[in-house]
């Protein structure tokens, strides 16, 4: 039978598209998978179980491997990269202590829903369960703190597993995925015909599109509201929905608040933004949250630091609309009237389409009265502090000065955890999403420098500032060495009050001033320490020197600068909601103690 020309052409085309099958080892397959996923950076630390993988990395030139000084920092740096870019962060650690050192970083990413793939080495498959050298049960240890994890027992499974890992990490509610690769799987050879183009998982199909009927119902309720409030969290940033949120808020003219994780989703410079809410939120944001009649919650989870005591929160009658991609987050802590499961961007886009298609608008009279009430709360100026102090540096002043100097620059701010974190969140006015990088859910000390390193690699032309404290900074200070090696010139602002500040604050308020193990009486000379690592160190003692020091640090574009600000030891973060209290039961200053 004669074959037609068309058939010949079709066969030739199919043949050219088919990839040639070659025999390669597991490590090379892993590298090809990372290349196919457009991974640019991997942060890691070598060890016996991953040496074959490191050998494969040595033989390629498209992925840059960054050698950190501790596995915890590898995961944090990859996490910071993911938070700033929206891409999947990738870390690589060895078995046993490499894995256990990485656990804190994995849990941090999990609590904040950050897309990550963590590749861990494992002892050879035949040795698993026999207490081999540097063995631990990686799957068991990480199960509660990952979105999913894999133990690859057959090298032939590796391409598909990697495809699934990246798909799970970045889709739905993002999160970290661990891929545990035994040493023999990394060196065994198998036939390789290419990386899968797509993935199908019957058991995992996250909903993206929200229910149109529920969205319509929610919009009607919103338009009828007399005292509406829009409460948004990190989910807005994760789904790249800041533009849609801004359009919705501006169209309706409703007040808006962001959680700690959501800062920058709506511009802080806009009057409709009431500041951050929650434990250290503003009076106006917390009061509006408590006293609204319709609450639109977008990509936020009503966590304990946000709403305080749930019983107190439930005292006031209000209708709640909750948009979230994760159905398990809806009605978890607070009963919701209109649940909408779906991707925030898609749901808001649909809601905006419905809003534009109808003529009805909010009641202007009721809205004006509501704004009047809000402005009366705002007039209390709950974030005021002693701006004229010339004797001692107020930590708030450092942050405000940083904001004044960088508000027109492309700047990223990372923080560790504690008082300095809250001051940075309160006084740096974020107008853009993904510019504020901190550990919200887990509250991990030590993340600041690794986050900044990861961001600086991703955004080499941007200014990256790490706001930290003398307690937090010492948890990953060895990464100053990594900053030098990989030329990531970050600026570190240490608000040094010689105390574990937030612990001291609680001990002052809740424990009658019994400062149990909260003071730091053996601090290093941070200037000398920074210089020992090859960087610039500055000690700033006087308020008058704050701005000149920051200007000088900015001038030194290609150097990492450590600024050791000697701040007021007695300063507390206010407003403050004590544990067990409602969000309107705030302490506004030392006079309330």
Protein backbone atom coordinates (compact mmCIF):
# COMPACT_ATOMS: atom_id res chain seq x y z
CA UNK A 1 0.00 0.00 0.00
CA UNK A 2 1.35 3.41 -0.99
CA UNK A 3 1.79 6.01 1.78
CA UNK A 4 0.53 9.48 0.95
CA UNK A 5 2.78 12.55 1.11
CA UNK A 6 0.69 14.03 3.96
CA UNK A 7 1.14 10.86 6.02
CA UNK A 8 4.88 10.91 5.36
CA UNK A 9 5.11 14.54 6.50
CA UNK A 10 3.07 13.79 9.62
CA UNK A 11 5.25 10.79 10.51
CA UNK A 12 8.43 12.84 9.98
CA UNK A 13 7.09 15.60 12.21
CA UNK A 14 6.15 13.13 14.98
CA UNK A 15 9.56 11.53 14.72
CA UNK A 16 11.35 14.87 15.06
CA UNK A 17 9.20 15.74 18.09
CA UNK A 18 9.85 12.43 19.82
CA UNK A 19 12.77 12.70 22.22
CA UNK A 20 15.59 10.26 21.95
CA UNK A 21 15.76 7.85 24.86
CA UNK A 22 19.10 7.95 26.68
CA UNK A 23 20.45 6.21 29.78
CA UNK A 24 21.31 8.69 32.54
CA UNK A 25 21.52 8.55 36.33
CA UNK A 26 19.02 9.90 38.85
CA UNK A 27 21.05 13.02 39.66
CA UNK A 28 21.16 14.06 35.99
CA UNK A 29 17.40 13.44 35.75
CA UNK A 30 16.91 15.69 38.79
CA UNK A 31 18.99 18.49 37.24
CA UNK A 32 17.07 18.19 33.96
CA UNK A 33 13.81 18.43 35.91
CA UNK A 34 15.00 21.62 37.65
CA UNK A 35 16.06 23.06 34.29
CA UNK A 36 12.68 22.20 32.76
CA UNK A 37 10.99 24.06 35.67
CA UNK A 38 13.18 27.12 34.90
CA UNK A 39 14.89 26.99 38.30
CA UNK A 40 17.61 29.65 38.40
CA UNK A 41 18.90 29.23 41.98
CA UNK A 42 19.25 26.37 44.42
CA UNK A 43 20.30 27.03 48.02
CA UNK A 44 21.95 24.12 49.76
CA UNK A 45 24.67 22.40 51.72
CA UNK A 46 26.44 19.22 50.54
CA UNK A 47 26.75 15.96 52.45
CA UNK A 48 27.34 12.26 51.80
CA UNK A 49 23.80 11.38 50.65
CA UNK A 50 23.65 14.15 48.01
CA UNK A 51 27.17 14.06 46.55
CA UNK A 52 25.98 12.52 43.27
CA UNK A 53 23.47 15.38 42.96
CA UNK A 54 26.25 17.90 43.62
CA UNK A 55 28.35 16.21 40.96
CA UNK A 56 25.49 16.65 38.46
CA UNK A 57 25.15 20.33 39.45
CA UNK A 58 28.89 20.77 38.85
CA UNK A 59 28.49 19.57 35.24
CA UNK A 60 25.82 22.14 34.25
CA UNK A 61 25.84 25.93 34.02
CA UNK A 62 22.19 27.08 33.94
CA UNK A 63 21.40 26.72 37.66
CA UNK A 64 23.39 28.65 40.25
CA UNK A 65 23.91 26.79 43.50
CA UNK A 66 24.33 29.00 46.58
CA UNK A 67 26.33 27.46 49.41
CA UNK A 68 24.88 28.64 52.71
CA UNK A 69 26.48 28.12 56.13
CA UNK A 70 23.57 26.26 57.74
CA UNK A 71 20.72 24.24 56.22
CA UNK A 72 18.11 26.35 58.02
CA UNK A 73 19.36 29.36 56.06
CA UNK A 74 19.15 27.41 52.76
CA UNK A 75 15.42 26.91 53.19
CA UNK A 76 14.87 30.47 54.47
CA UNK A 77 16.77 31.98 51.52
CA UNK A 78 14.79 29.89 49.01
CA UNK A 79 11.64 30.93 50.91
CA UNK A 80 12.55 34.65 50.71
CA UNK A 81 13.18 34.26 46.99
CA UNK A 82 9.73 32.65 46.55
CA UNK A 83 7.97 35.35 48.59
CA UNK A 84 9.52 38.17 46.56
CA UNK A 85 9.11 36.63 43.09
CA UNK A 86 6.13 34.26 43.31
CA UNK A 87 8.31 31.50 41.79
CA UNK A 88 8.97 28.15 43.47
CA UNK A 89 11.98 28.33 45.82
CA UNK A 90 14.32 25.30 45.76
CA UNK A 91 16.59 24.06 48.54
CA UNK A 92 18.87 21.02 48.69
CA UNK A 93 20.04 19.36 51.92
CA UNK A 94 21.63 16.07 52.91
CA UNK A 95 20.11 13.31 55.02
CA UNK A 96 19.85 13.16 58.82
CA UNK A 97 21.00 16.45 60.43
CA UNK A 98 20.71 18.21 57.05
CA UNK A 99 16.98 17.40 57.08
CA UNK A 100 16.41 18.20 60.75
CA UNK A 101 18.23 21.54 60.36
CA UNK A 102 15.90 22.33 57.46
CA UNK A 103 12.71 21.56 59.42
CA UNK A 104 12.34 25.09 60.87
CA UNK A 105 12.56 26.60 57.37
CA UNK A 106 10.03 24.10 55.98
CA UNK A 107 7.55 24.79 58.81
CA UNK A 108 7.99 28.55 58.29
CA UNK A 109 7.11 28.23 54.59
CA UNK A 110 4.19 25.90 55.36
CA UNK A 111 2.55 28.27 57.84
CA UNK A 112 2.71 31.14 55.32
CA UNK A 113 1.73 29.06 52.23
CA UNK A 114 4.97 29.60 50.30
CA UNK A 115 5.62 27.52 47.13
CA UNK A 116 8.81 25.51 47.67
CA UNK A 117 10.46 22.24 46.68
CA UNK A 118 12.97 20.93 49.20
CA UNK A 119 15.17 18.10 47.91
CA UNK A 120 16.60 15.96 50.68
CA UNK A 121 19.20 13.23 50.48
CA UNK A 122 18.48 9.86 52.08
CA UNK A 123 20.53 6.76 52.91
CA UNK A 124 20.42 4.00 50.21
CA UNK A 125 17.05 2.26 49.90
CA UNK A 126 18.39 -1.05 51.29
CA UNK A 127 19.56 0.77 54.46
CA UNK A 128 16.32 2.65 55.19
CA UNK A 129 14.98 1.65 58.59
CA UNK A 130 18.27 0.15 59.77
CA UNK A 131 19.55 3.22 61.65
CA UNK A 132 22.23 3.83 59.06
CA UNK A 133 24.70 6.71 59.43
CA UNK A 134 22.92 10.07 59.01
CA UNK A 135 19.53 8.41 58.60
CA UNK A 136 16.26 9.89 59.76
CA UNK A 137 12.64 9.35 58.74
CA UNK A 138 12.32 12.41 56.52
CA UNK A 139 8.81 11.63 55.34
CA UNK A 140 7.62 11.05 58.92
CA UNK A 141 9.36 14.12 60.36
CA UNK A 142 8.14 16.52 57.67
CA UNK A 143 4.61 15.12 57.16
CA UNK A 144 2.84 17.68 59.42
CA UNK A 145 4.73 20.68 57.95
CA UNK A 146 4.50 20.10 54.20
CA UNK A 147 1.79 20.25 51.62
CA UNK A 148 3.01 16.86 50.39
CA UNK A 149 6.15 14.74 50.48
CA UNK A 150 7.64 11.95 48.36
CA UNK A 151 10.14 9.17 49.02
CA UNK A 152 11.55 8.15 45.61
CA UNK A 153 12.39 4.44 45.75
CA UNK A 154 12.80 3.86 42.00
CA UNK A 155 14.83 6.14 39.73
CA UNK A 156 12.26 5.63 36.94
CA UNK A 157 9.70 7.52 39.06
CA UNK A 158 11.89 10.60 39.47
CA UNK A 159 10.75 12.70 36.45
CA UNK A 160 7.07 12.26 37.32
CA UNK A 161 7.66 12.87 41.04
CA UNK A 162 9.49 16.15 40.31
CA UNK A 163 6.71 17.27 37.96
CA UNK A 164 4.13 16.51 40.67
CA UNK A 165 6.22 18.25 43.35
CA UNK A 166 6.40 21.54 41.45
CA UNK A 167 2.74 21.32 40.44
CA UNK A 168 1.57 20.73 44.02
CA UNK A 169 3.89 23.42 45.43
CA UNK A 170 2.64 26.24 43.16
CA UNK A 171 -1.04 25.35 42.56
CA UNK A 172 -4.09 25.75 44.84
CA UNK A 173 -3.00 27.01 48.23
CA UNK A 174 0.79 26.99 47.70
CA UNK A 175 3.12 25.25 50.11
CA UNK A 176 6.42 23.37 50.54
CA UNK A 177 6.87 19.90 49.05
CA UNK A 178 9.69 17.60 50.17
CA UNK A 179 11.28 15.09 47.74
CA UNK A 180 13.41 12.53 49.58
CA UNK A 181 15.97 10.87 47.28
CA UNK A 182 17.98 7.85 48.53
CA UNK A 183 21.64 7.81 47.53
CA UNK A 184 21.32 4.75 45.26
CA UNK A 185 18.41 6.39 43.37
CA UNK A 186 20.67 9.39 42.69
CA UNK A 187 23.36 7.27 40.95
CA UNK A 188 21.33 4.45 39.34
CA UNK A 189 20.87 4.80 35.58
CA UNK A 190 17.61 4.47 33.69
CA UNK A 191 16.19 5.17 30.26
CA UNK A 192 15.18 8.85 30.09
CA UNK A 193 12.95 10.16 27.34
CA UNK A 194 12.25 13.63 28.63
CA UNK A 195 10.48 15.57 31.38
CA UNK A 196 6.67 15.16 31.48
CA UNK A 197 4.86 18.06 29.78
CA UNK A 198 1.82 17.79 32.05
CA UNK A 199 0.65 16.06 35.18
CA UNK A 200 -2.59 14.38 36.15
CA UNK A 201 -3.50 13.71 39.75
CA UNK A 202 -6.95 12.33 40.41
CA UNK A 203 -6.81 13.09 44.10
CA UNK A 204 -5.61 16.66 43.73
CA UNK A 205 -7.69 19.13 41.76
CA UNK A 206 -7.85 22.49 43.54
CA UNK A 207 -10.84 24.65 42.68
CA UNK A 208 -9.84 27.91 40.99
CA UNK A 209 -13.13 29.32 39.83
CA UNK A 210 -15.55 30.55 42.51
CA UNK A 211 -19.27 29.71 42.49
CA UNK A 212 -20.99 32.45 40.45
CA UNK A 213 -24.17 32.31 42.59
CA UNK A 214 -22.18 32.81 45.80
CA UNK A 215 -20.20 35.68 44.28
CA UNK A 216 -23.43 37.38 43.19
CA UNK A 217 -24.95 36.92 46.66
CA UNK A 218 -21.78 38.32 48.26
CA UNK A 219 -21.80 41.38 46.02
CA UNK A 220 -25.44 42.14 46.81
CA UNK A 221 -24.71 41.90 50.52
CA UNK A 222 -21.66 44.17 50.13
CA UNK A 223 -23.66 46.82 48.27
CA UNK A 224 -26.39 46.82 50.96
CA UNK A 225 -23.89 47.29 53.79
CA UNK A 226 -24.09 50.36 56.02
CA UNK A 227 -20.74 49.74 57.71
CA UNK A 228 -18.69 47.61 55.28
CA UNK A 229 -15.09 46.52 55.84
CA UNK A 230 -12.62 44.71 53.60
CA UNK A 231 -10.09 42.52 55.42
CA UNK A 232 -7.30 40.98 53.31
CA UNK A 233 -4.37 38.67 53.92
CA UNK A 234 -1.44 36.93 52.28
CA UNK A 235 -3.74 35.06 49.86
CA UNK A 236 -4.12 38.27 47.82
CA UNK A 237 -0.36 38.38 47.30
CA UNK A 238 -0.10 34.65 46.60
CA UNK A 239 -2.63 34.85 43.79
CA UNK A 240 -1.21 38.13 42.38
CA UNK A 241 -4.58 39.80 42.97
CA UNK A 242 -3.43 43.18 44.31
CA UNK A 243 -4.62 45.07 41.20
CA UNK A 244 -8.11 43.51 41.43
CA UNK A 245 -8.33 44.26 45.16
CA UNK A 246 -7.34 47.90 44.56
CA UNK A 247 -9.96 48.28 41.83
CA UNK A 248 -12.66 46.80 44.08
CA UNK A 249 -11.78 48.99 47.09
CA UNK A 250 -11.51 52.14 44.95
CA UNK A 251 -14.77 51.45 43.08
CA UNK A 252 -16.75 50.86 46.27
CA UNK A 253 -14.92 53.46 48.40
CA UNK A 254 -14.87 51.06 51.37
CA UNK A 255 -12.28 51.00 54.17
CA UNK A 256 -9.64 48.30 53.91
CA UNK A 257 -7.12 46.61 56.19
CA UNK A 258 -4.28 44.15 55.61
CA UNK A 259 -2.95 41.48 57.92
CA UNK A 260 0.77 41.31 58.68
CA UNK A 261 1.16 38.92 55.71
CA UNK A 262 -0.98 41.02 53.39
CA UNK A 263 0.78 44.40 53.74
CA UNK A 264 1.26 46.08 50.37
CA UNK A 265 -1.77 44.39 48.80
CA UNK A 266 -3.51 47.75 49.13
CA UNK A 267 -1.35 50.93 49.20
CA UNK A 268 -0.63 52.15 52.72
CA UNK A 269 -0.50 55.73 51.43
CA UNK A 270 -4.22 55.66 50.49
CA UNK A 271 -6.72 57.09 53.02
CA UNK A 272 -8.99 54.05 52.56
CA UNK A 273 -6.26 51.94 54.16
CA UNK A 274 -6.72 51.84 57.93
CA UNK A 275 -3.39 50.24 58.72
CA UNK A 276 -2.63 46.72 59.87
CA UNK A 277 -5.11 45.07 62.21
CA UNK A 278 -4.74 42.59 65.02
CA UNK A 279 -2.62 42.26 68.14
CA UNK A 280 -0.48 45.29 67.25
CA UNK A 281 -2.94 46.79 64.79
CA UNK A 282 -4.28 50.34 64.69
CA UNK A 283 -7.26 51.53 66.71
CA UNK A 284 -9.17 52.38 63.52
CA UNK A 285 -8.57 48.98 61.87
CA UNK A 286 -9.47 46.96 64.97
CA UNK A 287 -12.56 49.03 65.77
CA UNK A 288 -13.77 48.85 62.16
CA UNK A 289 -13.25 45.08 62.19
CA UNK A 290 -15.31 44.74 65.37
CA UNK A 291 -18.08 47.20 64.50
CA UNK A 292 -18.72 46.58 60.78
CA UNK A 293 -22.02 45.05 59.61
CA UNK A 294 -20.61 43.29 56.50
CA UNK A 295 -17.08 41.94 56.46
CA UNK A 296 -15.40 40.80 53.25
CA UNK A 297 -12.45 38.54 54.12
CA UNK A 298 -10.12 37.92 51.18
CA UNK A 299 -7.30 35.36 51.39
CA UNK A 300 -7.06 35.68 55.17
CA UNK A 301 -7.68 33.10 57.88
CA UNK A 302 -9.00 34.93 60.98
CA UNK A 303 -6.00 33.80 62.97
CA UNK A 304 -5.61 34.33 66.71
CA UNK A 305 -3.30 37.34 66.33
CA UNK A 306 -5.86 39.03 64.08
CA UNK A 307 -9.22 38.63 65.83
CA UNK A 308 -8.08 38.10 69.43
CA UNK A 309 -10.68 36.26 71.51
CA UNK A 310 -13.20 34.60 69.09
CA UNK A 311 -16.02 34.88 71.69
CA UNK A 312 -15.44 38.63 71.97
CA UNK A 313 -15.31 38.89 68.17
CA UNK A 314 -18.62 37.05 67.84
CA UNK A 315 -20.42 39.43 70.24
CA UNK A 316 -21.21 41.86 67.45
CA UNK A 317 -23.70 40.94 64.76
CA UNK A 318 -22.14 41.04 61.29
CA UNK A 319 -22.41 39.19 58.01
CA UNK A 320 -19.15 37.59 56.88
CA UNK A 321 -18.11 36.79 53.29
CA UNK A 322 -14.95 34.68 53.10
CA UNK A 323 -12.99 34.11 49.86
CA UNK A 324 -10.24 31.49 50.11
CA UNK A 325 -8.73 28.84 47.86
CA UNK A 326 -8.50 26.43 50.80
CA UNK A 327 -11.96 25.18 51.87
CA UNK A 328 -10.53 23.99 55.21
CA UNK A 329 -9.70 27.62 56.15
CA UNK A 330 -13.31 28.75 55.82
CA UNK A 331 -15.36 28.66 59.05
CA UNK A 332 -12.34 27.17 60.84
CA UNK A 333 -12.26 29.79 63.62
CA UNK A 334 -15.17 32.08 62.76
CA UNK A 335 -18.61 31.16 61.40
CA UNK A 336 -19.02 32.47 57.85
CA UNK A 337 -22.29 33.47 56.13
CA UNK A 338 -21.19 33.36 52.48
CA UNK A 339 -18.24 31.06 51.77
CA UNK A 340 -16.56 31.34 48.35
CA UNK A 341 -13.96 28.68 47.54
CA UNK A 342 -11.67 29.71 44.70
CA UNK A 343 -8.59 31.56 43.61
CA UNK A 344 -8.71 35.12 44.93
CA UNK A 345 -7.76 36.67 41.59
CA UNK A 346 -10.45 34.77 39.69
CA UNK A 347 -13.16 35.46 42.29
CA UNK A 348 -12.37 39.19 42.50
CA UNK A 349 -12.24 39.45 38.68
CA UNK A 350 -15.70 37.90 38.46
CA UNK A 351 -17.01 40.11 41.27
CA UNK A 352 -15.69 43.23 39.52
CA UNK A 353 -17.37 42.13 36.26
CA UNK A 354 -20.70 41.79 38.09
CA UNK A 355 -20.20 45.15 39.83
CA UNK A 356 -19.57 46.96 36.55
CA UNK A 357 -22.59 45.30 34.93
CA UNK A 358 -25.07 46.61 37.47
CA UNK A 359 -26.23 50.08 38.29
CA UNK A 360 -26.65 49.76 42.07
CA UNK A 361 -23.99 51.37 44.25
CA UNK A 362 -23.42 51.67 48.00
CA UNK A 363 -25.62 53.98 50.08
CA UNK A 364 -23.57 57.26 50.08
CA UNK A 365 -25.22 58.62 53.25
CA UNK A 366 -24.54 55.51 55.32
CA UNK A 367 -21.00 55.24 53.94
CA UNK A 368 -20.27 58.89 54.79
CA UNK A 369 -21.48 58.33 58.38
CA UNK A 370 -19.31 55.19 58.65
CA UNK A 371 -16.24 57.10 57.39
CA UNK A 372 -16.96 59.82 59.93
CA UNK A 373 -16.84 57.24 62.72
CA UNK A 374 -13.61 55.76 61.31
CA UNK A 375 -11.97 59.18 61.11
CA UNK A 376 -12.83 59.81 64.77
CA UNK A 377 -10.96 56.59 65.64
CA UNK A 378 -8.10 57.57 63.35
CA UNK A 379 -7.83 60.99 65.02
CA UNK A 380 -6.56 59.28 68.17
CA UNK A 381 -3.22 58.83 66.31
CA UNK A 382 -2.47 55.51 68.00
CA UNK A 383 1.01 55.24 66.44
CA UNK A 384 2.33 58.49 67.93
CA UNK A 385 5.62 58.36 69.83
CA UNK A 386 8.20 60.83 71.14
CA UNK A 387 9.52 62.13 67.79
CA UNK A 388 11.46 65.00 69.36
CA UNK A 389 13.67 62.88 71.63
CA UNK A 390 17.32 63.93 71.12
CA UNK A 391 18.80 61.75 73.86
CA UNK A 392 17.99 58.20 72.83
CA UNK A 393 17.11 56.57 69.49
CA UNK A 394 13.46 55.62 69.26
CA UNK A 395 13.14 52.43 67.15
CA UNK A 396 10.06 53.83 65.37
CA UNK A 397 12.17 56.75 64.19
CA UNK A 398 14.66 54.41 62.48
CA UNK A 399 11.85 52.77 60.47
CA UNK A 400 10.16 56.07 59.60
CA UNK A 401 13.47 57.50 58.41
CA UNK A 402 14.12 54.39 56.30
CA UNK A 403 10.69 54.78 54.72
CA UNK A 404 11.22 58.50 54.02
CA UNK A 405 14.51 57.72 52.25
CA UNK A 406 13.31 54.72 50.24
CA UNK A 407 9.62 55.40 49.52
CA UNK A 408 10.37 56.26 45.90
CA UNK A 409 12.95 53.47 45.46
CA UNK A 410 12.39 49.84 44.48
CA UNK A 411 12.95 48.57 48.03
CA UNK A 412 12.31 45.26 49.76
CA UNK A 413 12.16 45.00 53.55
CA UNK A 414 12.70 41.74 55.41
CA UNK A 415 12.44 41.31 59.14
CA UNK A 416 13.04 38.81 61.85
CA UNK A 417 10.50 38.31 64.65
CA UNK A 418 9.83 40.48 67.67
CA UNK A 419 9.34 44.15 68.47
CA UNK A 420 11.38 45.29 65.45
CA UNK A 421 9.08 43.26 63.17
CA UNK A 422 5.99 45.02 64.50
CA UNK A 423 7.59 48.47 64.25
CA UNK A 424 8.60 47.76 60.64
CA UNK A 425 5.03 46.64 59.85
CA UNK A 426 3.51 49.69 61.56
CA UNK A 427 5.83 52.47 60.36
CA UNK A 428 7.07 51.41 56.92
CA UNK A 429 4.21 52.22 54.55
CA UNK A 430 4.16 49.50 51.92
CA UNK A 431 2.49 50.58 48.68
CA UNK A 432 3.42 47.54 46.60
CA UNK A 433 2.84 43.79 47.09
CA UNK A 434 5.65 41.33 47.88
CA UNK A 435 7.88 44.07 49.30
CA UNK A 436 7.41 43.09 52.95
CA UNK A 437 8.99 39.71 53.65
CA UNK A 438 8.62 38.24 57.12
CA UNK A 439 7.61 35.10 59.01
CA UNK A 440 3.97 35.55 59.99
CA UNK A 441 2.47 32.20 60.92
CA UNK A 442 5.40 30.47 62.62
CA UNK A 443 7.17 33.59 63.88
CA UNK A 444 10.69 32.35 63.18
CA UNK A 445 13.67 34.26 64.54
CA UNK A 446 16.71 34.21 62.26
CA UNK A 447 14.91 34.53 58.91
CA UNK A 448 15.85 38.17 58.19
CA UNK A 449 19.35 37.82 56.70
CA UNK A 450 18.61 34.63 54.67
CA UNK A 451 15.39 36.22 53.30
CA UNK A 452 17.37 39.30 52.27
CA UNK A 453 20.06 37.12 50.60
CA UNK A 454 17.45 35.23 48.59
CA UNK A 455 15.73 38.45 47.49
CA UNK A 456 18.98 40.19 46.53
CA UNK A 457 19.89 37.32 44.20
CA UNK A 458 16.44 37.50 42.60
CA UNK A 459 16.38 41.32 42.47
CA UNK A 460 20.01 42.48 42.15
CA UNK A 461 19.01 46.03 41.11
CA UNK A 462 16.62 46.54 44.05
CA UNK A 463 17.49 47.82 47.51
CA UNK A 464 17.08 45.11 50.16
CA UNK A 465 16.87 45.99 53.86
CA UNK A 466 16.81 43.57 56.76
CA UNK A 467 15.21 45.01 59.92
CA UNK A 468 16.28 42.87 62.83
CA UNK A 469 17.09 42.79 66.54
CA UNK A 470 20.27 41.83 68.36
CA UNK A 471 18.56 38.61 69.49
CA UNK A 472 17.16 37.44 66.14
CA UNK A 473 20.19 38.39 64.09
CA UNK A 474 22.47 36.04 66.02
CA UNK A 475 20.43 33.01 64.97
CA UNK A 476 21.65 33.08 61.36
CA UNK A 477 24.47 35.64 61.54
CA UNK A 478 26.88 33.16 59.94
CA UNK A 479 25.13 33.92 56.63
CA UNK A 480 27.09 37.17 56.49
CA UNK A 481 29.75 34.86 55.05
CA UNK A 482 27.35 33.77 52.27
CA UNK A 483 26.55 37.44 51.52
CA UNK A 484 30.25 38.04 50.88
CA UNK A 485 30.81 34.94 48.77
CA UNK A 486 27.85 35.52 46.49
CA UNK A 487 28.04 39.32 46.45
CA UNK A 488 24.56 40.07 47.77
CA UNK A 489 24.99 43.56 49.27
CA UNK A 490 22.12 43.84 51.75
CA UNK A 491 21.61 46.53 54.41
CA UNK A 492 20.99 45.30 57.95
CA UNK A 493 19.29 47.57 60.50
CA UNK A 494 19.64 46.06 63.96
CA UNK A 495 17.37 47.78 66.51
CA UNK A 496 19.58 46.87 69.45
CA UNK A 497 17.88 47.38 72.81
CA UNK A 498 20.06 44.82 74.65
CA UNK A 499 16.93 42.77 75.45
CA UNK A 500 14.84 40.11 73.80
CA UNK A 501 12.41 42.94 73.26
CA UNK A 502 9.07 41.25 72.79
CA UNK A 503 9.78 38.78 75.60
CA UNK A 504 10.77 41.70 77.84
CA UNK A 505 7.56 43.57 76.88
CA UNK A 506 5.38 40.63 77.87
CA UNK A 507 7.35 40.11 81.07
CA UNK A 508 6.84 43.77 81.95
CA UNK A 509 3.09 43.66 81.30
CA UNK A 510 2.10 40.11 82.23
CA UNK A 511 4.80 39.04 84.71
CA UNK A 512 5.22 42.17 86.88
CA UNK A 513 8.63 43.03 85.45
CA UNK A 514 10.29 39.68 86.22
CA UNK A 515 12.74 39.70 83.30
CA UNK A 516 13.58 36.02 83.24
CA UNK A 517 16.38 35.38 80.70
CA UNK A 518 15.33 38.18 78.39
CA UNK A 519 18.35 40.47 78.65
CA UNK A 520 21.50 40.10 76.58
CA UNK A 521 24.57 40.84 78.71
CA UNK A 522 27.22 39.21 76.53
CA UNK A 523 26.57 40.82 73.16
CA UNK A 524 29.35 40.88 70.58
CA UNK A 525 30.70 44.06 69.02
CA UNK A 526 28.55 43.88 65.89
CA UNK A 527 30.69 46.43 64.04
CA UNK A 528 33.82 44.32 64.48
CA UNK A 529 31.85 41.17 63.69
CA UNK A 530 30.54 42.65 60.42
CA UNK A 531 34.06 43.76 59.53
CA UNK A 532 35.42 40.30 60.34
CA UNK A 533 33.00 38.90 57.74
CA UNK A 534 34.30 41.43 55.19
CA UNK A 535 31.46 43.94 55.44
CA UNK A 536 30.92 47.51 56.67
CA UNK A 537 29.88 47.95 60.30
CA UNK A 538 28.35 51.08 61.86
CA UNK A 539 27.32 51.81 65.45
CA UNK A 540 24.71 54.55 65.82
CA UNK A 541 24.12 55.96 69.31
CA UNK A 542 22.49 59.38 68.74
CA UNK A 543 19.11 60.22 67.13
CA UNK A 544 20.84 62.90 65.03
CA UNK A 545 22.98 60.22 63.37
CA UNK A 546 20.13 57.96 62.24
CA UNK A 547 19.48 59.63 58.90
CA UNK A 548 23.18 60.21 57.98
CA UNK A 549 23.94 56.53 58.73
CA UNK A 550 21.09 55.32 56.51
CA UNK A 551 22.16 57.71 53.72
CA UNK A 552 25.74 56.43 53.93
CA UNK A 553 24.57 52.80 53.83
CA UNK A 554 22.51 53.54 50.72
CA UNK A 555 25.53 55.20 49.11
CA UNK A 556 27.58 52.00 49.60
CA UNK A 557 25.56 50.18 46.94
CA UNK A 558 27.93 47.26 46.45
CA UNK A 559 28.65 46.55 50.14
CA UNK A 560 26.72 44.73 52.83
CA UNK A 561 26.31 47.20 55.71
CA UNK A 562 25.48 46.26 59.31
CA UNK A 563 23.95 49.22 61.21
CA UNK A 564 23.85 48.67 64.96
CA UNK A 565 21.28 51.20 66.26
CA UNK A 566 21.41 51.56 70.07
CA UNK A 567 17.70 52.04 70.74
CA UNK A 568 15.59 52.91 73.78
CA UNK A 569 15.51 49.88 76.07
CA UNK A 570 12.16 50.82 77.61
CA UNK A 571 10.18 51.22 74.37
CA UNK A 572 7.17 48.92 73.89
CA UNK A 573 5.04 48.15 70.84
CA UNK A 574 1.65 49.82 71.08
CA UNK A 575 -1.24 49.39 70.44
CA UNK A 576 -1.24 45.95 72.02
CA UNK A 577 -3.99 43.41 72.57
CA UNK A 578 -3.16 41.06 75.43
CA UNK A 579 -3.68 37.32 75.08
CA UNK A 580 -7.30 36.33 75.67
CA UNK A 581 -8.63 39.86 75.13
CA UNK A 582 -10.83 41.10 72.28
CA UNK A 583 -9.33 43.19 69.47
CA UNK A 584 -10.93 46.41 70.70
CA UNK A 585 -9.55 45.91 74.24
CA UNK A 586 -6.26 47.57 73.37
CA UNK A 587 -3.45 49.00 75.47
CA UNK A 588 -2.48 52.27 73.75
CA UNK A 589 0.57 53.19 75.78
CA UNK A 590 2.40 52.88 79.07
CA UNK A 591 -0.38 54.91 80.75
CA UNK A 592 -2.71 51.90 80.18
CA UNK A 593 -0.44 49.47 82.02
